[in-house]
Amino acid sequence: MSSIDACLQGIARANERLLREPLDRRRRHIRERTVSVVVPDLDTVFDMLLTIDGLTDVTHRPRSTPAPRPQVTVTVSSEDFVALSEERLDPAKALLGRRLKIDAGLGDLLRLRRLL
């Protein structure tokens, strides 16, 4: 099991990777969305905003604390979350292996797929 700090570092790495994409590509594939990453083994949810300027307003809260429903919800274990952020785990394989679950509209899924 990874820690909350390791997951926050993972979010920072994912943000760095996102910001390495050219701005025109980010504009084409990213629509501003509220995102929650649920990490069941830490009983924690990381809430953030996905924008063309990256992942902003990152906070975390206990899973039992109510919050508005996000537009995109990602559920993943802490170990897999860190492995994804370090590019040691392929997102497509994680999805197919049911290690990663994404709850989002079809349009959001298609746009996210192009960025992964």
N, C-alpha and C. Protein backbone atom coordinates (compact mmCIF):
# COMPACT_ATOMS: atom_id res chain seq x y z
N MET A 1 0.85 -1.17 0.00
CA MET A 1 0.00 0.00 0.00
C MET A 1 0.89 1.24 0.00
N SER A 2 0.59 2.16 -0.88
CA SER A 2 1.29 3.43 -0.93
C SER A 2 0.61 4.42 0.01
N SER A 3 1.26 5.55 0.24
CA SER A 3 0.72 6.55 1.15
C SER A 3 0.01 7.66 0.40
N ILE A 4 -0.67 8.51 1.15
CA ILE A 4 -1.33 9.68 0.56
C ILE A 4 -0.28 10.56 -0.10
N ASP A 5 0.87 10.73 0.55
CA ASP A 5 1.94 11.56 -0.04
C ASP A 5 2.43 10.98 -1.36
N ALA A 6 2.56 9.65 -1.44
CA ALA A 6 2.99 9.02 -2.68
C ALA A 6 1.97 9.25 -3.79
N CYS A 7 0.68 9.22 -3.43
CA CYS A 7 -0.37 9.49 -4.41
C CYS A 7 -0.34 10.95 -4.86
N LEU A 8 -0.11 11.88 -3.93
CA LEU A 8 0.00 13.29 -4.30
C LEU A 8 1.19 13.51 -5.23
N GLN A 9 2.29 12.82 -4.98
CA GLN A 9 3.44 12.90 -5.88
C GLN A 9 3.09 12.32 -7.24
N GLY A 10 2.28 11.26 -7.25
CA GLY A 10 1.81 10.67 -8.50
C GLY A 10 0.96 11.65 -9.30
N ILE A 11 0.10 12.40 -8.61
CA ILE A 11 -0.71 13.41 -9.29
C ILE A 11 0.21 14.48 -9.88
N ALA A 12 1.23 14.87 -9.14
CA ALA A 12 2.17 15.87 -9.65
C ALA A 12 2.90 15.35 -10.89
N ARG A 13 3.31 14.07 -10.88
CA ARG A 13 3.97 13.48 -12.06
C ARG A 13 3.03 13.44 -13.26
N ALA A 14 1.77 13.04 -13.00
CA ALA A 14 0.78 13.00 -14.09
C ALA A 14 0.56 14.41 -14.65
N ASN A 15 0.54 15.39 -13.78
CA ASN A 15 0.37 16.77 -14.22
C ASN A 15 1.56 17.23 -15.08
N GLU A 16 2.76 16.89 -14.65
CA GLU A 16 3.96 17.23 -15.44
C GLU A 16 3.89 16.60 -16.83
N ARG A 17 3.49 15.34 -16.88
CA ARG A 17 3.37 14.64 -18.17
C ARG A 17 2.30 15.30 -19.04
N LEU A 18 1.20 15.69 -18.43
CA LEU A 18 0.12 16.37 -19.15
C LEU A 18 0.60 17.70 -19.71
N LEU A 19 1.35 18.44 -18.93
CA LEU A 19 1.82 19.76 -19.36
C LEU A 19 2.94 19.68 -20.41
N ARG A 20 3.55 18.52 -20.56
CA ARG A 20 4.54 18.34 -21.64
C ARG A 20 3.89 18.25 -23.01
N GLU A 21 2.58 17.94 -23.02
CA GLU A 21 1.85 17.89 -24.29
C GLU A 21 1.75 19.31 -24.85
N PRO A 22 1.86 19.46 -26.17
CA PRO A 22 1.72 20.79 -26.76
C PRO A 22 0.36 21.40 -26.43
N LEU A 23 0.34 22.70 -26.25
CA LEU A 23 -0.88 23.40 -25.86
C LEU A 23 -2.01 23.16 -26.86
N ASP A 24 -1.69 23.15 -28.15
CA ASP A 24 -2.75 22.95 -29.15
C ASP A 24 -3.37 21.56 -29.01
N ARG A 25 -2.58 20.56 -28.66
CA ARG A 25 -3.12 19.21 -28.44
C ARG A 25 -3.98 19.17 -27.19
N ARG A 26 -3.54 19.85 -26.12
CA ARG A 26 -4.35 19.91 -24.91
C ARG A 26 -5.68 20.61 -25.18
N ARG A 27 -5.64 21.68 -25.95
CA ARG A 27 -6.89 22.40 -26.27
C ARG A 27 -7.85 21.51 -27.06
N ARG A 28 -7.30 20.66 -27.90
CA ARG A 28 -8.13 19.79 -28.74
C ARG A 28 -8.78 18.66 -27.92
N HIS A 29 -8.08 18.16 -26.91
CA HIS A 29 -8.54 16.95 -26.22
C HIS A 29 -9.03 17.15 -24.79
N ILE A 30 -8.79 18.31 -24.21
CA ILE A 30 -9.19 18.51 -22.82
C ILE A 30 -10.33 19.50 -22.73
N ARG A 31 -11.35 19.10 -22.02
CA ARG A 31 -12.44 19.99 -21.65
C ARG A 31 -12.38 20.08 -20.13
N GLU A 32 -12.60 21.25 -19.59
CA GLU A 32 -12.53 21.42 -18.14
C GLU A 32 -13.51 20.46 -17.47
N ARG A 33 -12.99 19.66 -16.55
CA ARG A 33 -13.79 18.65 -15.87
C ARG A 33 -13.36 18.55 -14.41
N THR A 34 -14.35 18.30 -13.55
CA THR A 34 -14.04 17.96 -12.17
C THR A 34 -13.71 16.47 -12.15
N VAL A 35 -12.66 16.12 -11.43
CA VAL A 35 -12.18 14.74 -11.38
C VAL A 35 -11.98 14.33 -9.93
N SER A 36 -12.42 13.13 -9.61
CA SER A 36 -12.14 12.54 -8.30
C SER A 36 -11.45 11.20 -8.53
N VAL A 37 -10.37 11.00 -7.80
CA VAL A 37 -9.65 9.73 -7.83
C VAL A 37 -9.91 9.06 -6.48
N VAL A 38 -10.65 7.96 -6.53
CA VAL A 38 -11.00 7.21 -5.32
C VAL A 38 -9.93 6.14 -5.11
N VAL A 39 -9.32 6.15 -3.93
CA VAL A 39 -8.30 5.17 -3.58
C VAL A 39 -8.82 4.39 -2.37
N PRO A 40 -9.51 3.26 -2.66
CA PRO A 40 -10.19 2.52 -1.58
C PRO A 40 -9.27 2.04 -0.46
N ASP A 41 -8.07 1.57 -0.78
CA ASP A 41 -7.21 1.03 0.27
C ASP A 41 -6.69 2.11 1.21
N LEU A 42 -6.73 3.37 0.81
CA LEU A 42 -6.36 4.47 1.70
C LEU A 42 -7.60 5.17 2.26
N ASP A 43 -8.79 4.71 1.83
CA ASP A 43 -10.06 5.31 2.23
C ASP A 43 -10.04 6.82 1.99
N THR A 44 -9.49 7.20 0.81
CA THR A 44 -9.25 8.61 0.48
C THR A 44 -9.74 8.90 -0.93
N VAL A 45 -10.16 10.14 -1.13
CA VAL A 45 -10.54 10.64 -2.45
C VAL A 45 -9.72 11.88 -2.73
N PHE A 46 -9.12 11.93 -3.90
CA PHE A 46 -8.39 13.11 -4.36
C PHE A 46 -9.29 13.83 -5.35
N ASP A 47 -9.63 15.06 -5.04
CA ASP A 47 -10.48 15.87 -5.92
C ASP A 47 -9.62 16.91 -6.61
N MET A 48 -9.92 17.17 -7.89
CA MET A 48 -9.14 18.13 -8.66
C MET A 48 -9.94 18.61 -9.85
N LEU A 49 -9.39 19.58 -10.53
CA LEU A 49 -9.98 20.11 -11.74
C LEU A 49 -8.99 19.88 -12.88
N LEU A 50 -9.45 19.26 -13.95
CA LEU A 50 -8.64 19.05 -15.15
C LEU A 50 -8.91 20.19 -16.11
N THR A 51 -7.87 20.92 -16.47
CA THR A 51 -7.98 22.04 -17.41
C THR A 51 -6.86 21.95 -18.42
N ILE A 52 -6.87 22.81 -19.43
CA ILE A 52 -5.75 22.82 -20.39
C ILE A 52 -4.47 23.28 -19.71
N ASP A 53 -4.59 23.88 -18.53
CA ASP A 53 -3.42 24.30 -17.76
C ASP A 53 -2.99 23.23 -16.76
N GLY A 54 -3.55 22.03 -16.86
CA GLY A 54 -3.15 20.92 -16.01
C GLY A 54 -4.17 20.58 -14.95
N LEU A 55 -3.71 19.83 -13.97
CA LEU A 55 -4.54 19.43 -12.83
C LEU A 55 -4.40 20.50 -11.76
N THR A 56 -5.51 21.15 -11.43
CA THR A 56 -5.47 22.24 -10.46
C THR A 56 -6.38 21.95 -9.29
N ASP A 57 -6.26 22.76 -8.26
CA ASP A 57 -7.12 22.67 -7.07
C ASP A 57 -7.15 21.27 -6.48
N VAL A 58 -6.00 20.62 -6.39
CA VAL A 58 -5.92 19.25 -5.88
C VAL A 58 -6.08 19.27 -4.36
N THR A 59 -7.05 18.50 -3.88
CA THR A 59 -7.27 18.32 -2.45
C THR A 59 -7.54 16.84 -2.19
N HIS A 60 -7.47 16.44 -0.95
CA HIS A 60 -7.87 15.07 -0.61
C HIS A 60 -8.74 15.11 0.62
N ARG A 61 -9.58 14.09 0.73
CA ARG A 61 -10.55 14.00 1.82
C ARG A 61 -10.81 12.53 2.11
N PRO A 62 -11.30 12.25 3.32
CA PRO A 62 -11.73 10.88 3.62
C PRO A 62 -12.87 10.49 2.68
N ARG A 63 -12.91 9.25 2.31
CA ARG A 63 -13.94 8.75 1.40
C ARG A 63 -15.35 8.94 1.95
N SER A 64 -15.48 8.97 3.26
CA SER A 64 -16.80 9.11 3.88
C SER A 64 -17.31 10.55 3.90
N THR A 65 -16.45 11.51 3.58
CA THR A 65 -16.86 12.91 3.56
C THR A 65 -17.60 13.21 2.26
N PRO A 66 -18.84 13.66 2.35
CA PRO A 66 -19.60 13.92 1.12
C PRO A 66 -19.01 15.09 0.33
N ALA A 67 -19.20 15.02 -0.98
CA ALA A 67 -18.74 16.08 -1.88
C ALA A 67 -19.64 16.07 -3.11
N PRO A 68 -19.67 17.16 -3.86
CA PRO A 68 -20.45 17.16 -5.10
C PRO A 68 -19.94 16.08 -6.05
N ARG A 69 -20.85 15.54 -6.84
CA ARG A 69 -20.49 14.48 -7.79
C ARG A 69 -19.58 15.04 -8.88
N PRO A 70 -18.42 14.43 -9.11
CA PRO A 70 -17.51 14.89 -10.15
C PRO A 70 -17.99 14.44 -11.53
N GLN A 71 -17.46 15.08 -12.55
CA GLN A 71 -17.79 14.69 -13.92
C GLN A 71 -17.04 13.43 -14.34
N VAL A 72 -15.88 13.19 -13.74
CA VAL A 72 -15.08 12.00 -14.02
C VAL A 72 -14.63 11.41 -12.68
N THR A 73 -14.86 10.12 -12.51
CA THR A 73 -14.40 9.42 -11.31
C THR A 73 -13.48 8.29 -11.72
N VAL A 74 -12.32 8.25 -11.10
CA VAL A 74 -11.34 7.19 -11.34
C VAL A 74 -11.19 6.43 -10.03
N THR A 75 -11.28 5.11 -10.09
CA THR A 75 -11.10 4.28 -8.90
C THR A 75 -9.91 3.37 -9.14
N VAL A 76 -8.95 3.40 -8.23
CA VAL A 76 -7.71 2.64 -8.40
C VAL A 76 -7.05 2.46 -7.03
N SER A 77 -6.34 1.34 -6.85
CA SER A 77 -5.61 1.13 -5.60
C SER A 77 -4.42 2.09 -5.55
N SER A 78 -3.92 2.32 -4.36
CA SER A 78 -2.79 3.24 -4.21
C SER A 78 -1.55 2.73 -4.96
N GLU A 79 -1.28 1.44 -4.88
CA GLU A 79 -0.11 0.87 -5.58
C GLU A 79 -0.24 1.04 -7.09
N ASP A 80 -1.41 0.74 -7.63
CA ASP A 80 -1.62 0.88 -9.07
C ASP A 80 -1.60 2.35 -9.48
N PHE A 81 -2.12 3.23 -8.62
CA PHE A 81 -2.10 4.66 -8.92
C PHE A 81 -0.67 5.16 -9.07
N VAL A 82 0.18 4.79 -8.13
CA VAL A 82 1.59 5.19 -8.19
C VAL A 82 2.26 4.56 -9.42
N ALA A 83 1.98 3.29 -9.69
CA ALA A 83 2.56 2.62 -10.86
C ALA A 83 2.12 3.29 -12.16
N LEU A 84 0.86 3.70 -12.25
CA LEU A 84 0.38 4.42 -13.43
C LEU A 84 1.11 5.75 -13.58
N SER A 85 1.28 6.46 -12.48
CA SER A 85 1.93 7.78 -12.55
C SER A 85 3.40 7.66 -12.91
N GLU A 86 4.01 6.54 -12.57
CA GLU A 86 5.42 6.32 -12.90
C GLU A 86 5.59 5.60 -14.23
N GLU A 87 4.47 5.39 -14.92
CA GLU A 87 4.44 4.72 -16.22
C GLU A 87 4.97 3.30 -16.17
N ARG A 88 4.83 2.64 -15.01
CA ARG A 88 5.18 1.23 -14.88
C ARG A 88 3.99 0.34 -15.18
N LEU A 89 2.79 0.93 -15.24
CA LEU A 89 1.56 0.19 -15.52
C LEU A 89 0.85 0.88 -16.67
N ASP A 90 0.53 0.12 -17.70
CA ASP A 90 -0.17 0.65 -18.87
C ASP A 90 -1.64 0.88 -18.53
N PRO A 91 -2.17 2.09 -18.80
CA PRO A 91 -3.58 2.36 -18.47
C PRO A 91 -4.56 1.41 -19.15
N ALA A 92 -4.31 1.06 -20.40
CA ALA A 92 -5.22 0.16 -21.11
C ALA A 92 -5.23 -1.23 -20.46
N LYS A 93 -4.06 -1.73 -20.10
CA LYS A 93 -3.99 -3.03 -19.43
C LYS A 93 -4.65 -2.97 -18.06
N ALA A 94 -4.47 -1.85 -17.36
CA ALA A 94 -5.10 -1.70 -16.04
C ALA A 94 -6.63 -1.69 -16.17
N LEU A 95 -7.15 -1.03 -17.21
CA LEU A 95 -8.59 -1.01 -17.45
C LEU A 95 -9.10 -2.41 -17.77
N LEU A 96 -8.43 -3.08 -18.70
CA LEU A 96 -8.85 -4.43 -19.09
C LEU A 96 -8.73 -5.42 -17.94
N GLY A 97 -7.73 -5.23 -17.09
CA GLY A 97 -7.53 -6.12 -15.96
C GLY A 97 -8.35 -5.73 -14.74
N ARG A 98 -9.22 -4.75 -14.90
CA ARG A 98 -10.10 -4.26 -13.82
C ARG A 98 -9.33 -3.74 -12.62
N ARG A 99 -8.14 -3.24 -12.86
CA ARG A 99 -7.36 -2.62 -11.79
C ARG A 99 -7.60 -1.12 -11.76
N LEU A 100 -8.22 -0.61 -12.82
CA LEU A 100 -8.53 0.80 -12.97
C LEU A 100 -9.95 0.91 -13.49
N LYS A 101 -10.75 1.75 -12.84
CA LYS A 101 -12.12 1.96 -13.28
C LYS A 101 -12.30 3.45 -13.52
N ILE A 102 -12.89 3.79 -14.67
CA ILE A 102 -13.17 5.18 -14.99
C ILE A 102 -14.65 5.32 -15.24
N ASP A 103 -15.27 6.21 -14.50
CA ASP A 103 -16.69 6.50 -14.65
C ASP A 103 -16.79 7.90 -15.24
N ALA A 104 -17.15 7.97 -16.52
CA ALA A 104 -17.22 9.25 -17.23
C ALA A 104 -18.13 9.09 -18.43
N GLY A 105 -18.53 10.21 -18.98
CA GLY A 105 -19.32 10.18 -20.21
C GLY A 105 -18.49 9.67 -21.38
N LEU A 106 -19.14 9.19 -22.41
CA LEU A 106 -18.45 8.64 -23.56
C LEU A 106 -17.51 9.67 -24.20
N GLY A 107 -17.96 10.90 -24.35
CA GLY A 107 -17.11 11.93 -24.93
C GLY A 107 -15.84 12.15 -24.12
N ASP A 108 -15.99 12.17 -22.80
CA ASP A 108 -14.82 12.34 -21.93
C ASP A 108 -13.87 11.16 -22.05
N LEU A 109 -14.43 9.95 -22.12
CA LEU A 109 -13.58 8.76 -22.27
C LEU A 109 -12.78 8.80 -23.57
N LEU A 110 -13.42 9.20 -24.64
CA LEU A 110 -12.72 9.27 -25.93
C LEU A 110 -11.62 10.32 -25.91
N ARG A 111 -11.89 11.47 -25.30
CA ARG A 111 -10.86 12.51 -25.22
C ARG A 111 -9.71 12.06 -24.33
N LEU A 112 -10.02 11.44 -23.20
CA LEU A 112 -8.96 10.97 -22.29
C LEU A 112 -8.10 9.90 -22.96
N ARG A 113 -8.74 9.03 -23.71
CA ARG A 113 -8.01 7.95 -24.40
C ARG A 113 -6.94 8.52 -25.31
N ARG A 114 -7.23 9.63 -25.97
CA ARG A 114 -6.26 10.24 -26.88
C ARG A 114 -5.06 10.82 -26.15
N LEU A 115 -5.23 11.13 -24.87
CA LEU A 115 -4.12 11.70 -24.10
C LEU A 115 -3.28 10.64 -23.41
N LEU A 116 -3.83 9.44 -23.24
CA LEU A 116 -3.08 8.38 -22.52
C LEU A 116 -2.03 7.74 -23.38
